[in-house]
C-alpha atoms as a PDB file:
ATOM      1  CA  MET A   1      84.320  28.309 -46.083  1.00  0.00           C
ATOM      2  CA  GLY A   2      87.736  28.327 -46.070  1.00  0.00           C
ATOM      3  CA  LEU A   3      90.577  30.903 -45.358  1.00  0.00           C
ATOM      4  CA  TYR A   4      92.486  32.651 -48.360  1.00  0.00           C
ATOM      5  CA  ASP A   5      95.872  33.048 -49.393  1.00  0.00           C
ATOM      6  CA  THR A   6      96.403  36.249 -52.029  1.00  0.00           C
ATOM      7  CA  LEU A   7      98.975  35.937 -54.473  1.00  0.00           C
ATOM      8  CA  ILE A   8     100.950  39.381 -55.705  1.00  0.00           C
ATOM      9  CA  LEU A   9     100.522  39.783 -59.596  1.00  0.00           C
ATOM     10  CA  ASP A  10     103.585  40.669 -60.989  1.00  0.00           C
ATOM     11  CA  PRO A  11     103.507  41.629 -63.552  1.00  0.00           C
ATOM     12  CA  PRO A  12      99.845  43.548 -62.521  1.00  0.00           C
ATOM     13  CA  LEU A  13      98.051  41.569 -64.700  1.00  0.00           C
ATOM     14  CA  VAL A  14      95.497  43.568 -67.029  1.00  0.00           C
ATOM     15  CA  CYS A  15      92.056  42.328 -68.103  1.00  0.00           C
ATOM     16  CA  PRO A  16      91.920  41.275 -71.806  1.00  0.00           C
ATOM     17  CA  ARG A  17      88.362  42.101 -71.729  1.00  0.00           C
ATOM     18  CA  CYS A  18      87.716  44.817 -69.650  1.00  0.00           C
ATOM     19  CA  GLY A  19      91.283  46.905 -69.397  1.00  0.00           C
ATOM     20  CA  ALA A  20      91.020  46.825 -65.520  1.00  0.00           C
ATOM     21  CA  ILE A  21      93.941  46.242 -63.403  1.00  0.00           C
ATOM     22  CA  HIS A  22      94.738  43.064 -60.597  1.00  0.00           C
ATOM     23  CA  ARG A  23      97.490  43.473 -58.916  1.00  0.00           C
ATOM     24  CA  SER A  24      96.573  40.462 -56.550  1.00  0.00           C
ATOM     25  CA  ILE A  25      93.843  37.910 -56.599  1.00  0.00           C
ATOM     26  CA  GLN A  26      93.146  35.833 -53.128  1.00  0.00           C
ATOM     27  CA  THR A  27      93.137  31.783 -53.475  1.00  0.00           C
ATOM     28  CA  GLY A  28      92.079  28.789 -51.731  1.00  0.00           C
ATOM     29  CA  LEU A  29      93.971  27.189 -53.971  1.00  0.00           C
ATOM     30  CA  LEU A  30      97.801  26.601 -51.339  1.00  0.00           C
ATOM     31  CA  ASP A  31      98.003  26.243 -47.362  1.00  0.00           C
ATOM     32  CA  SER A  32      95.051  28.545 -46.552  1.00  0.00           C
ATOM     33  CA  SER A  33      97.142  30.503 -43.813  1.00  0.00           C
ATOM     34  CA  MET A  34      95.908  33.839 -45.025  1.00  0.00           C
ATOM     35  CA  SER A  35      99.671  34.599 -46.285  1.00  0.00           C
ATOM     36  CA  THR A  36     100.819  37.186 -48.737  1.00  0.00           C
ATOM     37  CA  PHE A  37     103.195  35.565 -51.658  1.00  0.00           C
ATOM     38  CA  ARG A  38     105.158  36.982 -54.281  1.00  0.00           C
ATOM     39  CA  PRO A  39     107.015  35.271 -57.300  1.00  0.00           C
ATOM     40  CA  GLY A  40     109.922  33.643 -55.748  1.00  0.00           C
ATOM     41  CA  MET A  41     108.167  33.002 -52.330  1.00  0.00           C
ATOM     42  CA  LEU A  42     108.220  29.849 -50.721  1.00  0.00           C
ATOM     43  CA  VAL A  43     104.773  27.797 -50.456  1.00  0.00           C
ATOM     44  CA  PRO A  44     105.108  25.876 -47.243  1.00  0.00           C
ATOM     45  CA  GLN A  45     101.802  23.461 -47.333  1.00  0.00           C
ATOM     46  CA  CYS A  46     101.333  24.526 -50.968  1.00  0.00           C
ATOM     47  CA  PRO A  47      99.588  20.490 -52.467  1.00  0.00           C
ATOM     48  CA  VAL A  48     101.809  20.246 -55.974  1.00  0.00           C
ATOM     49  CA  HIS A  49     105.526  20.136 -55.554  1.00  0.00           C
ATOM     50  CA  SER A  50     105.895  21.475 -59.243  1.00  0.00           C
ATOM     51  CA  GLY A  51     103.058  22.239 -61.672  1.00  0.00           C
ATOM     52  CA  ILE A  52     100.164  24.335 -62.641  1.00  0.00           C
ATOM     53  CA  LEU A  53      97.061  25.269 -60.756  1.00  0.00           C
ATOM     54  CA  LYS A  54      93.924  27.254 -62.307  1.00  0.00           C
ATOM     55  CA  GLU A  55      92.626  30.040 -60.629  1.00  0.00           C
ATOM     56  CA  SER A  56      90.111  32.277 -61.493  1.00  0.00           C
ATOM     57  CA  ALA A  57      89.774  36.455 -60.690  1.00  0.00           C
ATOM     58  CA  TRP A  58      86.489  38.201 -60.825  1.00  0.00           C
ATOM     59  CA  CYS A  59      86.018  40.823 -63.126  1.00  0.00           C
ATOM     60  CA  CYS A  60      84.230  42.440 -65.893  1.00  0.00           C
ATOM     61  CA  PRO A  61      80.988  43.672 -64.362  1.00  0.00           C
ATOM     62  CA  GLN A  62      78.363  43.536 -66.090  1.00  0.00           C
ATOM     63  CA  SER A  63      75.945  46.542 -65.408  1.00  0.00           C
ATOM     64  CA  GLU A  64      72.506  44.922 -66.153  1.00  0.00           C
ATOM     65  CA  THR A  65      73.042  41.987 -63.965  1.00  0.00           C
ATOM     66  CA  ASN A  66      76.055  43.390 -62.027  1.00  0.00           C
ATOM     67  CA  ASP A  67      77.156  39.658 -62.151  1.00  0.00           C
ATOM     68  CA  ASP A  68      80.710  39.658 -62.550  1.00  0.00           C
ATOM     69  CA  LYS A  69      82.704  36.993 -65.100  1.00  0.00           C
ATOM     70  CA  ALA A  70      85.623  34.712 -64.199  1.00  0.00           C
ATOM     71  CA  LEU A  71      88.949  35.264 -66.139  1.00  0.00           C
ATOM     72  CA  ASP A  72      90.940  32.184 -65.873  1.00  0.00           C
ATOM     73  CA  LEU A  73      94.490  32.041 -65.228  1.00  0.00           C
ATOM     74  CA  TRP A  74      97.355  29.533 -64.191  1.00  0.00           C
ATOM     75  CA  ILE A  75      99.200  29.792 -61.280  1.00  0.00           C
ATOM     76  CA  LEU A  76     102.826  28.569 -61.174  1.00  0.00           C
ATOM     77  CA  ILE A  77     104.614  26.812 -58.463  1.00  0.00           C
ATOM     78  CA  TRP A  78     108.144  25.426 -59.209  1.00  0.00           C
ATOM     79  CA  HIS A  79     110.211  23.133 -56.247  1.00  0.00           C
ATOM     80  CA  GLY A  80     107.323  24.262 -53.827  1.00  0.00           C
ATOM     81  CA  ILE A  81     107.739  28.303 -54.927  1.00  0.00           C
ATOM     82  CA  TYR A  82     104.970  30.333 -56.147  1.00  0.00           C
ATOM     83  CA  ALA A  83     106.451  31.059 -59.862  1.00  0.00           C
ATOM     84  CA  GLY A  84     104.315  33.772 -61.011  1.00  0.00           C
ATOM     85  CA  TYR A  85     100.837  33.140 -63.643  1.00  0.00           C
ATOM     86  CA  ALA A  86      99.863  33.250 -66.984  1.00  0.00           C
ATOM     87  CA  LEU A  87      96.248  33.500 -68.619  1.00  0.00           C
ATOM     88  CA  ASP A  88      96.166  30.174 -70.922  1.00  0.00           C
ATOM     89  CA  PRO A  89      97.348  26.650 -70.141  1.00  0.00           C
ATOM     90  CA  GLU A  90     100.095  26.414 -72.589  1.00  0.00           C
ATOM     91  CA  ALA A  91     101.497  29.923 -71.869  1.00  0.00           C
ATOM     92  CA  ALA A  92     101.767  28.388 -67.984  1.00  0.00           C
ATOM     93  CA  GLN A  93     103.068  25.244 -69.679  1.00  0.00           C
ATOM     94  CA  GLY A  94     106.239  26.919 -71.468  1.00  0.00           C
ATOM     95  CA  ARG A  95     107.003  29.320 -68.392  1.00  0.00           C
ATOM     96  CA  LEU A  96     107.085  26.575 -66.169  1.00  0.00           C
ATOM     97  CA  ALA A  97     109.297  24.877 -68.474  1.00  0.00           C
ATOM     98  CA  SER A  98     111.752  27.997 -68.855  1.00  0.00           C
ATOM     99  CA  ILE A  99     112.309  28.374 -65.189  1.00  0.00           C
ATOM    100  CA  ASP A 100     115.940  27.958 -63.766  1.00  0.00           C
ATOM    101  CA  ARG A 101     118.178  28.695 -61.149  1.00  0.00           C
ATOM    102  CA  LEU A 102     118.791  31.896 -62.432  1.00  0.00           C
ATOM    103  CA  ASP A 103     114.897  32.499 -61.513  1.00  0.00           C
ATOM    104  CA  LEU A 104     115.726  31.762 -58.033  1.00  0.00           C
ATOM    105  CA  LEU A 105     118.872  33.561 -57.499  1.00  0.00           C
ATOM    106  CA  GLU A 106     116.571  36.997 -58.835  1.00  0.00           C
ATOM    107  CA  TRP A 107     114.253  36.122 -56.356  1.00  0.00           C
ATOM    108  CA  LEU A 108     116.323  35.108 -53.851  1.00  0.00           C
ATOM    109  CA  ASP A 109     118.338  38.630 -54.289  1.00  0.00           C
ATOM    110  CA  ALA A 110     114.927  40.695 -54.662  1.00  0.00           C
ATOM    111  CA  MET A 111     113.551  39.096 -51.102  1.00  0.00           C
ATOM    112  CA  GLN A 112     117.066  39.909 -49.365  1.00  0.00           C
ATOM    113  CA  LYS A 113     116.519  43.434 -50.839  1.00  0.00           C
ATOM    114  CA  ASN A 114     112.915  43.793 -49.438  1.00  0.00           C
ATOM    115  CA  ALA A 115     114.074  42.210 -46.325  1.00  0.00           C
ATOM    116  CA  VAL A 116     116.490  44.715 -46.020  1.00  0.00           C
ATOM    117  CA  GLU A 117     114.254  47.672 -47.026  1.00  0.00           C
ATOM    118  CA  TRP A 118     111.993  46.311 -43.950  1.00  0.00           C
ATOM    119  CA  ARG A 119     114.011  46.034 -41.254  1.00  0.00           C
ATOM    120  CA  SER A 120     116.194  49.466 -42.421  1.00  0.00           C
ATOM    121  CA  ARG A 121     112.262  51.065 -42.381  1.00  0.00           C
ATOM    122  CA  TYR A 122     111.647  49.793 -38.798  1.00  0.00           C
ATOM    123  CA  HIS A 123     114.715  50.614 -37.244  1.00  0.00           C
ATOM    124  CA  ALA A 124     114.019  54.323 -38.782  1.00  0.00           C
ATOM    125  CA  ILE A 125     110.673  54.565 -37.023  1.00  0.00           C
ATOM    126  CA  HIS A 126     111.906  52.774 -33.915  1.00  0.00           C
ATOM    127  CA  ALA A 127     114.304  55.005 -33.513  1.00  0.00           C
ATOM    128  CA  ASP A 128     112.236  58.471 -34.397  1.00  0.00           C
ATOM    129  CA  LEU A 129     109.556  57.371 -32.201  1.00  0.00           C
ATOM    130  CA  ARG A 130     112.489  56.718 -29.419  1.00  0.00           C
ATOM    131  CA  ASP A 131     113.642  59.922 -29.630  1.00  0.00           C
ATOM    132  CA  TRP A 132     110.061  61.482 -29.874  1.00  0.00           C
ATOM    133  CA  LEU A 133     109.444  60.014 -26.519  1.00  0.00           C
ATOM    134  CA  GLU A 134     112.520  61.033 -24.931  1.00  0.00           C
ATOM    135  CA  PHE A 135     111.585  64.587 -26.014  1.00  0.00           C
ATOM    136  CA  ARG A 136     108.348  64.176 -25.093  1.00  0.00           C
ATOM    137  CA  ASP A 137     108.779  63.135 -21.666  1.00  0.00           C
ATOM    138  CA  MET A 138     111.758  65.303 -20.601  1.00  0.00           C
ATOM    139  CA  PRO A 139     111.619  67.835 -18.240  1.00  0.00           C
ATOM    140  CA  LYS A 140     111.256  71.331 -19.948  1.00  0.00           C
ATOM    141  CA  GLU A 141     113.687  74.392 -19.274  1.00  0.00           C
ATOM    142  CA  THR A 142     113.432  75.760 -15.880  1.00  0.00           C
ATOM    143  CA  GLU A 143     115.076  79.067 -14.804  1.00  0.00           C
ATOM    144  CA  GLY A 144     117.587  77.328 -12.541  1.00  0.00           C
ATOM    145  CA  GLN A 145     118.085  74.069 -14.440  1.00  0.00           C
ATOM    146  CA  THR A 146     121.441  72.214 -14.428  1.00  0.00           C
ATOM    147  CA  SER A 147     124.134  73.048 -17.396  1.00  0.00           C
ATOM    148  CA  GLY A 148     124.171  68.805 -17.896  1.00  0.00           C
ATOM    149  CA  ARG A 149     120.332  68.482 -18.332  1.00  0.00           C
ATOM    150  CA  LYS A 150     120.537  71.604 -20.566  1.00  0.00           C
ATOM    151  CA  HIS A 151     122.892  69.774 -22.590  1.00  0.00           C
ATOM    152  CA  LEU A 152     121.045  66.540 -22.636  1.00  0.00           C
ATOM    153  CA  ARG A 153     117.738  68.368 -23.341  1.00  0.00           C
ATOM    154  CA  GLU A 154     119.782  69.718 -26.556  1.00  0.00           C
ATOM    155  CA  LEU A 155     121.344  66.524 -27.061  1.00  0.00           C
ATOM    156  CA  THR A 156     117.761  65.244 -27.605  1.00  0.00           C
ATOM    157  CA  MET A 157     116.615  67.909 -29.399  1.00  0.00           C
ATOM    158  CA  SER A 158     119.217  67.780 -32.134  1.00  0.00           C
ATOM    159  CA  ARG A 159     118.362  63.785 -33.025  1.00  0.00           C
ATOM    160  CA  ILE A 160     114.764  64.771 -33.850  1.00  0.00           C
ATOM    161  CA  SER A 161     113.616  67.898 -36.081  1.00  0.00           C
ATOM    162  CA  GLU A 162     112.628  71.571 -34.354  1.00  0.00           C
ATOM    163  CA  GLU A 163     109.576  70.660 -36.993  1.00  0.00           C
ATOM    164  CA  LEU A 164     108.643  67.578 -35.572  1.00  0.00           C
ATOM    165  CA  ALA A 165     108.957  68.694 -32.092  1.00  0.00           C
ATOM    166  CA  LYS A 166     106.497  71.412 -32.510  1.00  0.00           C
ATOM    167  CA  ASP A 167     104.352  69.379 -34.419  1.00  0.00           C
ATOM    168  CA  PRO A 168     100.790  69.366 -32.847  1.00  0.00           C
ATOM    169  CA  ASP A 169     100.978  66.131 -34.813  1.00  0.00           C
ATOM    170  CA  PRO A 170     104.129  64.019 -34.081  1.00  0.00           C
ATOM    171  CA  LEU A 171     103.084  60.874 -34.399  1.00  0.00           C
ATOM    172  CA  ARG A 172     101.289  61.510 -37.957  1.00  0.00           C
ATOM    173  CA  ARG A 173     105.203  63.491 -39.288  1.00  0.00           C
ATOM    174  CA  ILE A 174     106.142  60.465 -37.718  1.00  0.00           C
ATOM    175  CA  LEU A 175     104.689  58.770 -40.082  1.00  0.00           C
ATOM    176  CA  GLU A 176     104.767  60.415 -43.086  1.00  0.00           C
ATOM    177  CA  ARG A 177     108.696  60.586 -42.831  1.00  0.00           C
ATOM    178  CA  ASN A 178     108.223  57.090 -42.860  1.00  0.00           C
ATOM    179  CA  ALA A 179     105.815  56.271 -45.921  1.00  0.00           C
ATOM    180  CA  PRO A 180     107.112  53.167 -48.055  1.00  0.00           C
ATOM    181  CA  ASP A 181     107.060  56.017 -50.811  1.00  0.00           C
ATOM    182  CA  GLN A 182     110.286  57.658 -48.808  1.00  0.00           C
ATOM    183  CA  PRO A 183     113.347  56.571 -49.505  1.00  0.00           C
ATOM    184  CA  VAL A 184     115.263  54.475 -46.872  1.00  0.00           C
ATOM    185  CA  ASP A 185     118.554  54.699 -46.290  1.00  0.00           C
ATOM    186  CA  SER A 186     119.694  50.583 -45.707  1.00  0.00           C
ATOM    187  CA  GLY A 187     123.322  51.435 -44.237  1.00  0.00           C
ATOM    188  CA  LEU A 188     126.345  50.905 -45.589  1.00  0.00           C
ATOM    189  CA  TRP A 189     126.051  47.126 -45.364  1.00  0.00           C
ATOM    190  CA  GLY A 190     121.825  47.273 -46.080  1.00  0.00           C
ATOM    191  CA  TRP A 191     121.529  46.781 -41.828  1.00  0.00           C
END
């Protein structure tokens, strides 16, 4: 048994027989590193430099026999880069022949935007967790508390919302506010 890589299908594959939508498939044709590849990503140990690889997606269950039917698709590799897929070999050859450096620039731009968004999300969730832990571990206000310690607690409280401070499950709230479907602030230069 080999290791499988995941190929993100962009645009998603709509089965021409049953209409099922496939957003990704697994394949053993690439570098078998359990990696996920999006169009435009380099496949380090790809067995071909440029070419077309035939793969099958399982679809269209038969209700009487519960057998699935294979849906053939052709994976495009251009200079070691996963370049997408096609549903027939002629379309795959035409698409592979039409790839140029502009496609490479678009892929590079998409990968850089993805990296900036990931980094921004990481820093946002890290800051929320750090601020929450600092707030949680800070001693509660006491009657004879010095003004410096009280000011420090108020400063920390200003970095986290009062809603988060009083939430019975703050980790859930932090994860919700940093969920992938939430907008992310990439900062002025995207850092």
